[in-house]
Amino acid sequence: MARHYIFSSCIGSFAFSPEFAVEEFLPAVNCRKNSELILEGSATDEDKKLYKRFPGSVIVRAAGKVNEFESSSEKVLVTGSLSAIKDKKYMNLFRNADIAIAKKALSEIISPDLLIIQAVNAITELSKSANLLSKRLREWYELYNPEISRKIEDHYAFARIVSEKTKTEILAELGINKEDSMGGNISAEETESIISLSKEICNLFSEIERQGQFLDSAMRKCCPKLTEAVGYMIGGKLVYLAGGLKNLAEMPSSKVQVLGAEKALFRHLKTGAKPPKYGVISQHQEIAAAGKDDKGKAARKIAARASIAARIDFFRKGK
């Protein structure tokens, strides 16, 4: 006796006649659940209902058939099934279901390490902007009051003083008479422009501090061992450079050691220049404090520590 075929999909299940004509279609109640069951090779609820309606049917998949029901072992060609559901009404259902499944999947891929990567990027870009604008502020303000620029090296402190104090107040604190200043005279409007820029720079540095606090908190929650090993900033940069905690956990310590030194590594491979001994971990205090001949040894030690910590954080997170 010729058997019917049941074709499972994310939008529901189709019952085909032996000639591959659609005899019945049961729409899926949950498209996402159906997709997961199909990937697992399991029958959907709609499959089971149709199987009761057409006993002895063969359940068809794009990659073969499901053996959950005691159907024959004959191999079913899917071509006939697929050609029968190319009707426009079914194609629109497939399209809408695919979009819905994709949206749901995208909403679920956000993980703590992705937020860490974004925070590191934000801090990096904010720092570049703040430093670039601070140099512009110094050059501009030196035309008006050059003495203070030489006294204060920290950009944030410099911008804060410019935004809060007048030239007269600053010179008085430095013990310099206004008449003895090398700076020129500028209008009140021009002074206001300089002060406005200094306030914006202060806001940038304040935002860097806020983002740093968020990164610290996120790292302690997601990567406590890595944070303990190398600090939240270096740890965050390692996660960013590796492309995620999973990638970092799978890296050998020798690769962790040179993360952030890609340009130097490429130059070594291309021109034969000396290979880099370390990348972003060079910012660690132990490497900075080590002697010239001991920096490589210190870098290997820190990289090994970071590598082990990342693995502990990743595999413990999965439990």
Protein backbone atom coordinates (compact mmCIF):
# COMPACT_ATOMS: atom_id res chain seq x y z
CA MET A 1 0.00 0.00 0.00
CA ALA A 2 1.37 3.44 -0.97
CA ARG A 3 2.28 5.59 1.97
CA HIS A 4 1.80 9.28 2.62
CA TYR A 5 4.67 11.59 3.36
CA ILE A 6 4.81 14.15 6.16
CA PHE A 7 7.16 17.07 5.58
CA SER A 8 8.23 19.09 8.67
CA SER A 9 9.17 22.75 8.50
CA CYS A 10 9.35 25.80 10.73
CA ILE A 11 5.93 26.98 9.54
CA GLY A 12 4.20 23.66 10.16
CA SER A 13 3.80 20.15 8.74
CA PHE A 14 2.54 19.05 5.34
CA ALA A 15 0.87 15.73 4.52
CA PHE A 16 1.55 14.63 0.96
CA SER A 17 -0.14 11.95 -1.08
CA PRO A 18 2.06 9.25 -2.64
CA GLU A 19 2.14 11.53 -5.71
CA PHE A 20 3.40 14.47 -3.60
CA ALA A 21 0.21 16.50 -3.68
CA VAL A 22 -0.54 18.50 -0.51
CA GLU A 23 -3.46 16.83 1.24
CA GLU A 24 -3.30 18.64 4.57
CA PHE A 25 -1.30 21.43 6.20
CA LEU A 26 -1.08 22.07 9.96
CA PRO A 27 0.48 25.47 10.78
CA ALA A 28 3.04 25.57 13.60
CA VAL A 29 2.02 26.96 16.95
CA ASN A 30 5.65 27.86 17.75
CA CYS A 31 7.94 28.36 14.74
CA ARG A 32 11.08 28.64 16.87
CA LYS A 33 10.32 25.41 18.74
CA ASN A 34 9.66 23.62 15.46
CA SER A 35 13.02 24.73 14.09
CA GLU A 36 14.82 23.43 17.17
CA LEU A 37 13.03 20.07 17.01
CA ILE A 38 13.83 19.71 13.30
CA LEU A 39 17.51 20.46 13.94
CA GLU A 40 17.50 17.82 16.68
CA GLY A 41 15.91 15.33 14.31
CA SER A 42 12.77 15.06 16.46
CA ALA A 43 9.16 15.08 15.35
CA THR A 44 7.04 18.17 15.95
CA ASP A 45 3.58 18.24 17.50
CA GLU A 46 2.13 18.79 14.04
CA ASP A 47 4.02 15.73 12.74
CA LYS A 48 2.45 13.59 15.43
CA LYS A 49 -1.07 14.83 14.68
CA LEU A 50 -0.66 14.16 10.97
CA TYR A 51 0.82 10.75 11.67
CA LYS A 52 -2.33 9.81 13.57
CA ARG A 53 -4.36 11.07 10.62
CA PHE A 54 -2.21 9.15 8.12
CA PRO A 55 -0.78 6.08 9.92
CA GLY A 56 2.36 4.58 8.49
CA SER A 57 3.45 7.84 6.83
CA VAL A 58 7.12 8.60 6.28
CA ILE A 59 8.29 11.84 7.91
CA VAL A 60 10.57 13.72 5.55
CA ARG A 61 13.39 16.13 6.33
CA ALA A 62 15.62 18.08 3.98
CA ALA A 63 18.47 15.88 5.19
CA GLY A 64 16.47 12.62 5.28
CA LYS A 65 13.62 11.26 7.40
CA VAL A 66 12.87 10.95 11.08
CA ASN A 67 12.84 7.44 12.48
CA GLU A 68 10.96 8.39 15.63
CA PHE A 69 7.92 6.57 14.26
CA GLU A 70 8.28 3.02 13.08
CA SER A 71 8.23 3.81 9.39
CA SER A 72 9.93 1.76 6.72
CA SER A 73 13.60 2.23 6.00
CA GLU A 74 13.03 3.25 2.41
CA LYS A 75 14.76 6.48 1.38
CA VAL A 76 12.44 9.31 0.40
CA LEU A 77 13.44 11.88 -2.17
CA VAL A 78 12.67 15.31 -0.82
CA THR A 79 12.52 16.88 -4.27
CA GLY A 80 8.88 15.99 -4.78
CA SER A 81 7.89 17.38 -1.37
CA LEU A 82 9.69 20.67 -1.86
CA SER A 83 8.30 21.26 -5.34
CA ALA A 84 4.75 20.80 -3.97
CA ILE A 85 5.07 23.66 -1.45
CA LYS A 86 6.50 26.31 -3.77
CA ASP A 87 3.11 27.97 -3.78
CA LYS A 88 3.32 31.70 -3.02
CA LYS A 89 1.15 31.45 0.09
CA TYR A 90 3.57 28.98 1.66
CA MET A 91 6.64 30.99 0.58
CA ASN A 92 5.27 34.06 2.37
CA LEU A 93 4.76 31.99 5.52
CA PHE A 94 8.34 30.72 5.29
CA ARG A 95 9.65 34.25 4.83
CA ASN A 96 7.74 35.64 7.82
CA ALA A 97 8.73 32.70 10.01
CA ASP A 98 12.41 33.03 9.04
CA ILE A 99 12.40 36.73 9.91
CA ALA A 100 10.71 36.08 13.26
CA ILE A 101 13.17 33.29 14.12
CA ALA A 102 16.14 35.45 13.11
CA LYS A 103 14.93 38.36 15.26
CA LYS A 104 14.46 36.08 18.25
CA ALA A 105 17.89 34.51 17.77
CA LEU A 106 19.57 37.92 17.49
CA SER A 107 17.87 39.12 20.67
CA GLU A 108 19.31 36.14 22.55
CA ILE A 109 22.95 36.37 21.44
CA ILE A 110 23.75 39.36 23.66
CA SER A 111 26.21 38.08 26.21
CA PRO A 112 28.17 39.86 28.96
CA ASP A 113 31.43 39.66 27.01
CA LEU A 114 29.83 41.47 24.05
CA LEU A 115 28.90 44.31 26.42
CA ILE A 116 32.49 44.31 27.69
CA ILE A 117 33.79 44.61 24.12
CA GLN A 118 31.50 47.61 23.49
CA ALA A 119 32.60 49.27 26.73
CA VAL A 120 36.29 48.82 25.82
CA ASN A 121 35.63 50.31 22.38
CA ALA A 122 33.78 53.23 23.95
CA ILE A 123 36.61 53.96 26.39
CA THR A 124 39.23 53.69 23.64
CA GLU A 125 37.39 56.04 21.29
CA LEU A 126 36.51 58.50 24.05
CA SER A 127 40.15 58.57 25.17
CA LYS A 128 41.37 59.26 21.62
CA SER A 129 38.86 62.07 21.24
CA ALA A 130 39.68 63.56 24.65
CA ASN A 131 43.44 63.47 24.05
CA LEU A 132 43.13 64.92 20.56
CA LEU A 133 40.91 67.78 21.71
CA SER A 134 43.14 68.36 24.75
CA LYS A 135 46.09 68.99 22.43
CA ARG A 136 43.97 71.41 20.46
CA LEU A 137 42.92 73.15 23.69
CA ARG A 138 46.54 73.51 24.81
CA GLU A 139 47.64 75.01 21.50
CA TRP A 140 44.71 77.39 21.55
CA TYR A 141 45.03 78.42 25.20
CA GLU A 142 48.81 78.87 24.96
CA LEU A 143 48.16 81.85 22.69
CA TYR A 144 46.35 83.42 25.63
CA ASN A 145 48.11 82.01 28.69
CA PRO A 146 51.14 79.82 27.86
CA GLU A 147 52.57 79.61 31.38
CA ILE A 148 50.00 77.14 32.79
CA SER A 149 50.27 74.71 29.90
CA ARG A 150 53.86 74.00 30.79
CA LYS A 151 53.06 73.53 34.47
CA ILE A 152 50.24 70.98 34.12
CA GLU A 153 50.86 67.86 32.05
CA ASP A 154 47.60 66.05 32.86
CA HIS A 155 45.01 66.88 30.17
CA TYR A 156 41.99 66.51 32.45
CA ALA A 157 43.45 68.74 35.18
CA PHE A 158 44.43 71.32 32.56
CA ALA A 159 40.95 71.39 30.99
CA ARG A 160 39.30 71.63 34.41
CA ILE A 161 41.42 74.61 35.47
CA VAL A 162 40.80 76.42 32.17
CA SER A 163 37.04 75.88 32.53
CA GLU A 164 36.88 77.00 36.17
CA LYS A 165 39.40 79.83 36.55
CA THR A 166 40.20 83.10 34.83
CA LYS A 167 43.62 83.98 33.46
CA THR A 168 44.19 86.40 36.32
CA GLU A 169 43.43 83.73 38.95
CA ILE A 170 45.70 81.21 37.27
CA LEU A 171 48.61 83.61 36.98
CA ALA A 172 48.18 84.67 40.62
CA GLU A 173 48.43 81.03 41.72
CA LEU A 174 51.61 80.69 39.66
CA GLY A 175 53.01 83.90 41.17
CA ILE A 176 53.14 85.70 37.84
CA ASN A 177 51.95 89.24 37.22
CA LYS A 178 49.47 89.58 34.39
CA GLU A 179 51.74 92.19 32.78
CA ASP A 180 54.63 89.69 32.72
CA SER A 181 52.65 86.97 30.94
CA MET A 182 53.78 86.06 27.43
CA GLY A 183 50.20 85.46 26.34
CA GLY A 184 48.34 87.84 24.07
CA ASN A 185 45.05 89.59 24.65
CA ILE A 186 41.92 88.05 23.15
CA SER A 187 38.30 89.14 23.19
CA ALA A 188 35.67 87.89 25.64
CA GLU A 189 33.97 86.00 22.79
CA GLU A 190 37.19 84.17 21.93
CA THR A 191 37.80 83.38 25.59
CA GLU A 192 34.31 81.95 25.87
CA SER A 193 35.01 79.62 22.92
CA ILE A 194 38.12 78.28 24.65
CA ILE A 195 36.24 77.76 27.92
CA SER A 196 33.39 76.02 26.10
CA LEU A 197 35.86 73.58 24.54
CA SER A 198 37.50 72.94 27.90
CA LYS A 199 34.12 72.09 29.45
CA GLU A 200 33.37 69.60 26.68
CA ILE A 201 36.76 67.97 27.26
CA CYS A 202 35.97 67.71 30.97
CA ASN A 203 32.70 66.00 30.06
CA LEU A 204 34.59 63.51 27.89
CA PHE A 205 36.96 62.63 30.73
CA SER A 206 33.99 62.27 33.10
CA GLU A 207 32.33 59.90 30.62
CA ILE A 208 35.54 57.87 30.36
CA GLU A 209 35.46 57.50 34.13
CA ARG A 210 31.80 56.39 34.07
CA GLN A 211 32.46 53.87 31.32
CA GLY A 212 35.46 52.61 33.27
CA GLN A 213 33.25 52.02 36.31
CA PHE A 214 30.79 50.08 34.15
CA LEU A 215 33.62 48.01 32.65
CA ASP A 216 34.99 47.28 36.12
CA SER A 217 31.57 46.06 37.28
CA ALA A 218 30.95 44.01 34.11
CA MET A 219 34.37 42.37 34.28
CA ARG A 220 33.93 41.40 37.93
CA LYS A 221 30.60 39.74 37.09
CA CYS A 222 31.62 38.03 33.85
CA CYS A 223 35.36 37.48 34.30
CA PRO A 224 36.21 37.65 38.01
CA LYS A 225 39.35 35.51 37.76
CA LEU A 226 40.66 37.40 34.74
CA THR A 227 40.01 40.70 36.50
CA GLU A 228 41.86 39.45 39.55
CA ALA A 229 44.76 38.27 37.41
CA VAL A 230 45.40 41.34 35.24
CA GLY A 231 42.89 44.03 36.24
CA TYR A 232 39.62 45.01 34.65
CA MET A 233 41.08 47.27 31.94
CA ILE A 234 43.73 44.90 30.61
CA GLY A 235 41.32 41.98 31.00
CA GLY A 236 38.64 43.85 29.07
CA LYS A 237 41.07 44.67 26.29
CA LEU A 238 42.12 41.00 26.07
CA VAL A 239 38.47 39.96 25.74
CA TYR A 240 38.00 42.60 23.05
CA LEU A 241 41.13 41.68 21.09
CA ALA A 242 40.29 37.97 21.26
CA GLY A 243 36.73 38.60 20.06
CA GLY A 244 35.06 37.25 23.19
CA LEU A 245 35.72 35.26 26.35
CA LYS A 246 35.29 31.93 24.54
CA ASN A 247 37.99 32.78 22.01
CA LEU A 248 40.29 34.02 24.75
CA ALA A 249 39.79 30.83 26.77
CA GLU A 250 40.71 28.71 23.74
CA MET A 251 43.90 30.65 22.98
CA PRO A 252 47.33 29.40 24.03
CA SER A 253 49.12 31.73 26.42
CA SER A 254 51.75 32.47 23.74
CA LYS A 255 49.05 34.12 21.62
CA VAL A 256 47.51 35.92 24.59
CA GLN A 257 50.97 37.37 25.25
CA VAL A 258 51.08 39.21 21.91
CA LEU A 259 47.42 40.28 21.65
CA GLY A 260 47.46 43.94 20.70
CA ALA A 261 50.85 43.71 18.97
CA GLU A 262 49.47 42.60 15.61
CA LYS A 263 51.21 45.37 13.66
CA ALA A 264 54.59 44.51 15.14
CA LEU A 265 53.96 40.81 14.53
CA PHE A 266 53.03 41.46 10.90
CA ARG A 267 56.14 43.62 10.49
CA HIS A 268 58.21 40.74 11.88
CA LEU A 269 56.69 38.28 9.41
CA LYS A 270 57.01 40.66 6.48
CA THR A 271 60.39 42.29 7.03
CA GLY A 272 62.14 40.00 9.47
CA ALA A 273 62.17 42.63 12.22
CA LYS A 274 62.33 41.49 15.82
CA PRO A 275 59.15 39.77 16.95
CA PRO A 276 57.10 41.52 19.66
CA LYS A 277 57.53 40.18 23.19
CA TYR A 278 54.14 41.37 24.41
CA GLY A 279 51.04 43.30 23.40
CA VAL A 280 48.44 44.95 25.58
CA ILE A 281 49.67 43.14 28.69
CA SER A 282 52.71 45.44 28.59
CA GLN A 283 50.48 47.88 30.53
CA HIS A 284 50.55 45.53 33.52
CA GLN A 285 52.51 46.94 36.45
CA GLU A 286 54.68 43.82 36.84
CA ILE A 287 55.95 44.14 33.26
CA ALA A 288 56.40 47.89 33.58
CA ALA A 289 58.40 47.41 36.78
CA ALA A 290 60.58 44.60 35.38
CA GLY A 291 64.08 45.25 34.12
CA LYS A 292 64.78 45.31 30.40
CA ASP A 293 66.09 41.74 30.36
CA ASP A 294 63.22 40.46 32.49
CA LYS A 295 60.27 41.96 30.64
CA GLY A 296 59.86 38.96 28.34
CA LYS A 297 59.83 36.56 31.29
CA ALA A 298 57.31 38.76 33.13
CA ALA A 299 55.12 38.91 29.99
CA ARG A 300 55.05 35.11 29.70
CA LYS A 301 54.09 34.84 33.36
CA ILE A 302 51.24 37.38 33.05
CA ALA A 303 50.00 35.82 29.79
CA ALA A 304 49.91 32.34 31.35
CA ARG A 305 48.05 33.71 34.36
CA ALA A 306 45.53 35.51 32.13
CA SER A 307 45.03 32.44 29.95
CA ILE A 308 44.29 30.17 32.92
CA ALA A 309 41.97 32.77 34.46
CA ALA A 310 40.02 33.16 31.22
CA ARG A 311 39.48 29.41 30.99
CA ILE A 312 38.25 29.24 34.57
CA ASP A 313 35.82 32.12 33.95
CA PHE A 314 34.51 30.65 30.71
CA PHE A 315 34.03 27.06 31.83
CA ARG A 316 32.62 27.97 35.23
CA LYS A 317 30.14 30.28 33.50
CA GLY A 318 28.81 27.32 31.53
CA LYS A 319 27.92 25.39 34.70
